[in-house]
N, C-alpha and C. Protein backbone atom coordinates (compact mmCIF):
# COMPACT_ATOMS: atom_id res chain seq x y z
N MET A 1 85.40 174.70 160.56
CA MET A 1 86.48 174.34 159.65
C MET A 1 87.50 175.49 159.65
N PRO A 2 88.77 175.17 159.78
CA PRO A 2 89.81 176.21 159.74
C PRO A 2 89.84 176.94 158.39
N VAL A 3 90.29 178.18 158.43
CA VAL A 3 90.33 179.02 157.23
C VAL A 3 91.13 178.36 156.11
N GLY A 4 92.28 177.80 156.44
CA GLY A 4 93.12 177.15 155.41
C GLY A 4 92.39 176.03 154.69
N GLU A 5 91.62 175.25 155.43
CA GLU A 5 90.86 174.16 154.81
C GLU A 5 89.76 174.71 153.91
N ARG A 6 89.11 175.78 154.34
CA ARG A 6 88.07 176.39 153.51
C ARG A 6 88.65 176.94 152.22
N ILE A 7 89.83 177.54 152.32
CA ILE A 7 90.49 178.07 151.12
C ILE A 7 90.82 176.93 150.16
N GLU A 8 91.39 175.86 150.67
CA GLU A 8 91.75 174.73 149.82
C GLU A 8 90.50 174.09 149.20
N GLN A 9 89.43 174.02 149.98
CA GLN A 9 88.18 173.47 149.47
C GLN A 9 87.63 174.34 148.33
N ALA A 10 87.67 175.65 148.51
CA ALA A 10 87.20 176.57 147.46
C ALA A 10 88.08 176.46 146.22
N ARG A 11 89.39 176.37 146.41
CA ARG A 11 90.31 176.22 145.28
C ARG A 11 89.98 174.95 144.48
N GLU A 12 89.69 173.87 145.18
CA GLU A 12 89.39 172.61 144.51
C GLU A 12 88.07 172.69 143.75
N VAL A 13 87.09 173.37 144.30
CA VAL A 13 85.82 173.55 143.60
C VAL A 13 86.05 174.32 142.29
N ILE A 14 86.82 175.39 142.38
CA ILE A 14 87.13 176.19 141.19
C ILE A 14 87.91 175.37 140.18
N ARG A 15 88.95 174.65 140.64
CA ARG A 15 89.77 173.86 139.75
C ARG A 15 88.97 172.76 139.07
N SER A 16 88.12 172.07 139.83
CA SER A 16 87.35 170.98 139.23
C SER A 16 86.31 171.51 138.24
N THR A 17 85.76 172.69 138.51
CA THR A 17 84.84 173.31 137.56
C THR A 17 85.58 173.67 136.27
N LEU A 18 86.76 174.26 136.42
CA LEU A 18 87.58 174.56 135.24
C LEU A 18 87.88 173.29 134.45
N GLU A 19 88.26 172.24 135.16
CA GLU A 19 88.61 170.98 134.48
C GLU A 19 87.43 170.45 133.67
N GLN A 20 86.24 170.47 134.26
CA GLN A 20 85.07 169.95 133.55
C GLN A 20 84.74 170.80 132.33
N ARG A 21 84.79 172.11 132.49
CA ARG A 21 84.48 172.99 131.35
C ARG A 21 85.54 172.85 130.25
N LEU A 22 86.79 172.72 130.65
CA LEU A 22 87.85 172.50 129.67
C LEU A 22 87.65 171.17 128.95
N ALA A 23 87.32 170.14 129.70
CA ALA A 23 87.10 168.81 129.10
C ALA A 23 85.98 168.89 128.06
N ASP A 24 84.90 169.56 128.41
CA ASP A 24 83.78 169.69 127.47
C ASP A 24 84.20 170.47 126.23
N GLY A 25 84.87 171.59 126.43
CA GLY A 25 85.28 172.43 125.31
C GLY A 25 86.32 171.77 124.42
N LEU A 26 87.28 171.09 125.05
CA LEU A 26 88.32 170.42 124.27
C LEU A 26 87.75 169.23 123.50
N ALA A 27 86.80 168.53 124.10
CA ALA A 27 86.17 167.40 123.39
C ALA A 27 85.41 167.91 122.18
N GLU A 28 84.75 169.03 122.34
CA GLU A 28 83.97 169.61 121.24
C GLU A 28 84.87 170.09 120.11
N ARG A 29 86.03 170.65 120.50
CA ARG A 29 86.94 171.21 119.49
C ARG A 29 87.94 170.20 118.97
N GLY A 30 88.13 169.09 119.68
CA GLY A 30 89.08 168.08 119.22
C GLY A 30 90.52 168.46 119.50
N ALA A 31 90.89 168.58 120.75
CA ALA A 31 92.27 168.90 121.13
C ALA A 31 92.82 167.74 121.97
N PRO A 32 93.23 166.65 121.32
CA PRO A 32 93.64 165.45 122.06
C PRO A 32 94.92 165.57 122.88
N ASP A 33 95.77 166.54 122.56
CA ASP A 33 97.05 166.65 123.27
C ASP A 33 96.99 167.57 124.48
N VAL A 34 95.82 168.05 124.82
CA VAL A 34 95.66 168.95 125.96
C VAL A 34 94.90 168.22 127.05
N GLU A 35 95.49 168.17 128.24
CA GLU A 35 94.87 167.48 129.36
C GLU A 35 94.13 168.48 130.24
N PRO A 36 92.81 168.36 130.35
CA PRO A 36 92.04 169.29 131.18
C PRO A 36 92.51 169.34 132.63
N GLU A 37 92.94 168.23 133.18
CA GLU A 37 93.41 168.20 134.57
C GLU A 37 94.63 169.10 134.75
N VAL A 38 95.58 169.01 133.84
CA VAL A 38 96.80 169.82 133.92
C VAL A 38 96.49 171.28 133.64
N LEU A 39 95.73 171.54 132.58
CA LEU A 39 95.41 172.91 132.21
C LEU A 39 94.60 173.62 133.29
N SER A 40 93.73 172.89 133.98
CA SER A 40 92.95 173.51 135.06
C SER A 40 93.85 173.99 136.18
N GLN A 41 94.92 173.26 136.46
CA GLN A 41 95.89 173.69 137.49
C GLN A 41 96.59 174.97 137.05
N VAL A 42 97.00 175.02 135.80
CA VAL A 42 97.69 176.19 135.26
C VAL A 42 96.79 177.42 135.32
N LEU A 43 95.55 177.26 134.91
CA LEU A 43 94.63 178.40 134.91
C LEU A 43 94.30 178.87 136.32
N LEU A 44 94.19 177.95 137.26
CA LEU A 44 93.94 178.32 138.65
C LEU A 44 95.09 179.17 139.19
N VAL A 45 96.31 178.72 138.97
CA VAL A 45 97.47 179.46 139.44
C VAL A 45 97.56 180.83 138.76
N ALA A 46 97.29 180.89 137.47
CA ALA A 46 97.32 182.17 136.75
C ALA A 46 96.27 183.12 137.31
N GLY A 47 95.09 182.62 137.58
CA GLY A 47 94.03 183.45 138.14
C GLY A 47 94.40 183.98 139.51
N GLU A 48 95.01 183.14 140.32
CA GLU A 48 95.45 183.58 141.65
C GLU A 48 96.53 184.65 141.54
N GLN A 49 97.43 184.48 140.61
CA GLN A 49 98.49 185.48 140.42
C GLN A 49 97.91 186.80 139.91
N PHE A 50 96.95 186.72 139.00
CA PHE A 50 96.27 187.95 138.54
C PHE A 50 95.67 188.69 139.73
N ALA A 51 95.00 187.95 140.60
CA ALA A 51 94.39 188.58 141.78
C ALA A 51 95.45 189.24 142.67
N ARG A 52 96.58 188.57 142.86
CA ARG A 52 97.67 189.15 143.67
C ARG A 52 98.18 190.45 143.06
N LEU A 53 98.36 190.45 141.75
CA LEU A 53 98.86 191.65 141.08
C LEU A 53 97.89 192.82 141.26
N VAL A 54 96.62 192.56 141.08
CA VAL A 54 95.61 193.61 141.22
C VAL A 54 95.58 194.14 142.65
N ILE A 55 95.73 193.26 143.62
CA ILE A 55 95.67 193.67 145.03
C ILE A 55 96.94 194.40 145.46
N THR A 56 98.10 193.89 145.05
CA THR A 56 99.36 194.46 145.53
C THR A 56 99.86 195.66 144.74
N ASP A 57 99.46 195.77 143.48
CA ASP A 57 99.94 196.89 142.66
C ASP A 57 98.85 197.30 141.66
N PRO A 58 97.72 197.81 142.18
CA PRO A 58 96.58 198.10 141.30
C PRO A 58 96.84 199.21 140.28
N ASP A 59 97.77 200.11 140.58
CA ASP A 59 98.07 201.15 139.59
C ASP A 59 98.77 200.56 138.38
N ARG A 60 99.66 199.64 138.61
CA ARG A 60 100.40 199.01 137.52
C ARG A 60 99.59 197.91 136.84
N TYR A 61 98.79 197.20 137.63
CA TYR A 61 98.03 196.06 137.10
C TYR A 61 96.53 196.22 137.39
N PRO A 62 95.88 197.18 136.75
CA PRO A 62 94.43 197.28 136.95
C PRO A 62 93.74 196.07 136.31
N PRO A 63 92.59 195.68 136.83
CA PRO A 63 91.90 194.51 136.28
C PRO A 63 91.70 194.60 134.76
N GLU A 64 91.41 195.78 134.26
CA GLU A 64 91.17 195.94 132.83
C GLU A 64 92.39 195.54 132.00
N ARG A 65 93.57 195.84 132.50
CA ARG A 65 94.80 195.48 131.78
C ARG A 65 94.96 193.97 131.71
N LEU A 66 94.73 193.30 132.83
CA LEU A 66 94.90 191.86 132.85
C LEU A 66 93.83 191.17 132.00
N ILE A 67 92.61 191.66 132.06
CA ILE A 67 91.53 191.09 131.25
C ILE A 67 91.81 191.26 129.76
N ALA A 68 92.30 192.43 129.38
CA ALA A 68 92.62 192.67 127.97
C ALA A 68 93.71 191.72 127.49
N ASN A 69 94.71 191.48 128.32
CA ASN A 69 95.78 190.55 127.94
C ASN A 69 95.27 189.12 127.86
N LEU A 70 94.42 188.74 128.77
CA LEU A 70 93.85 187.39 128.73
C LEU A 70 93.02 187.21 127.47
N ARG A 71 92.23 188.19 127.13
CA ARG A 71 91.45 188.12 125.89
C ARG A 71 92.36 188.00 124.67
N GLY A 72 93.46 188.74 124.68
CA GLY A 72 94.40 188.67 123.57
C GLY A 72 95.01 187.29 123.42
N VAL A 73 95.36 186.67 124.54
CA VAL A 73 95.93 185.32 124.50
C VAL A 73 94.89 184.33 123.97
N LEU A 74 93.68 184.44 124.48
CA LEU A 74 92.63 183.52 124.02
C LEU A 74 92.35 183.68 122.54
N ALA A 75 92.35 184.90 122.06
CA ALA A 75 92.13 185.15 120.62
C ALA A 75 93.28 184.58 119.80
N ALA A 76 94.49 184.66 120.33
CA ALA A 76 95.66 184.18 119.59
C ALA A 76 95.68 182.66 119.48
N VAL A 77 95.16 181.97 120.48
CA VAL A 77 95.22 180.51 120.44
C VAL A 77 93.95 179.88 119.90
N ARG A 78 92.94 180.67 119.68
CA ARG A 78 91.68 180.15 119.14
C ARG A 78 91.88 179.74 117.69
N ALA A 79 91.58 178.48 117.41
CA ALA A 79 91.75 177.98 116.04
C ALA A 79 90.61 178.50 115.17
N PRO A 80 90.92 178.94 113.96
CA PRO A 80 89.85 179.36 113.04
C PRO A 80 88.93 178.17 112.74
N ALA A 81 87.68 178.45 112.53
CA ALA A 81 86.69 177.39 112.29
C ALA A 81 87.00 176.60 111.03
N SER A 82 87.69 177.21 110.06
CA SER A 82 87.95 176.54 108.78
C SER A 82 89.19 175.65 108.80
N VAL A 83 89.92 175.64 109.91
CA VAL A 83 91.14 174.83 109.98
C VAL A 83 90.78 173.39 110.29
N SER A 84 91.31 172.47 109.51
CA SER A 84 91.08 171.04 109.73
C SER A 84 92.20 170.49 110.58
N THR A 85 91.85 169.64 111.56
CA THR A 85 92.88 169.04 112.41
C THR A 85 93.24 167.62 111.94
N SER A 86 92.63 167.16 110.86
CA SER A 86 92.96 165.83 110.35
C SER A 86 94.18 165.90 109.43
N ALA A 87 94.92 164.82 109.41
CA ALA A 87 96.14 164.78 108.60
C ALA A 87 95.88 164.37 107.19
């Protein structure tokens, strides 16, 4: 199998895993306006860009910096357990 096909195959495995985990998590939390298929694409691209930054400019973008920012974003969007989503 050519390298390009293997890369695309690996990307799809990662994306589909993300989609399934997002679907499970969103169903559990009740986020009807978020589509796991779309969000999985966004997260895949973001992850690839993070990897590029670490590889091309590791002094400016060490992995720890990117991980800390990702954690901050996740904490900011995490809904408190006491918040009701019903109208």
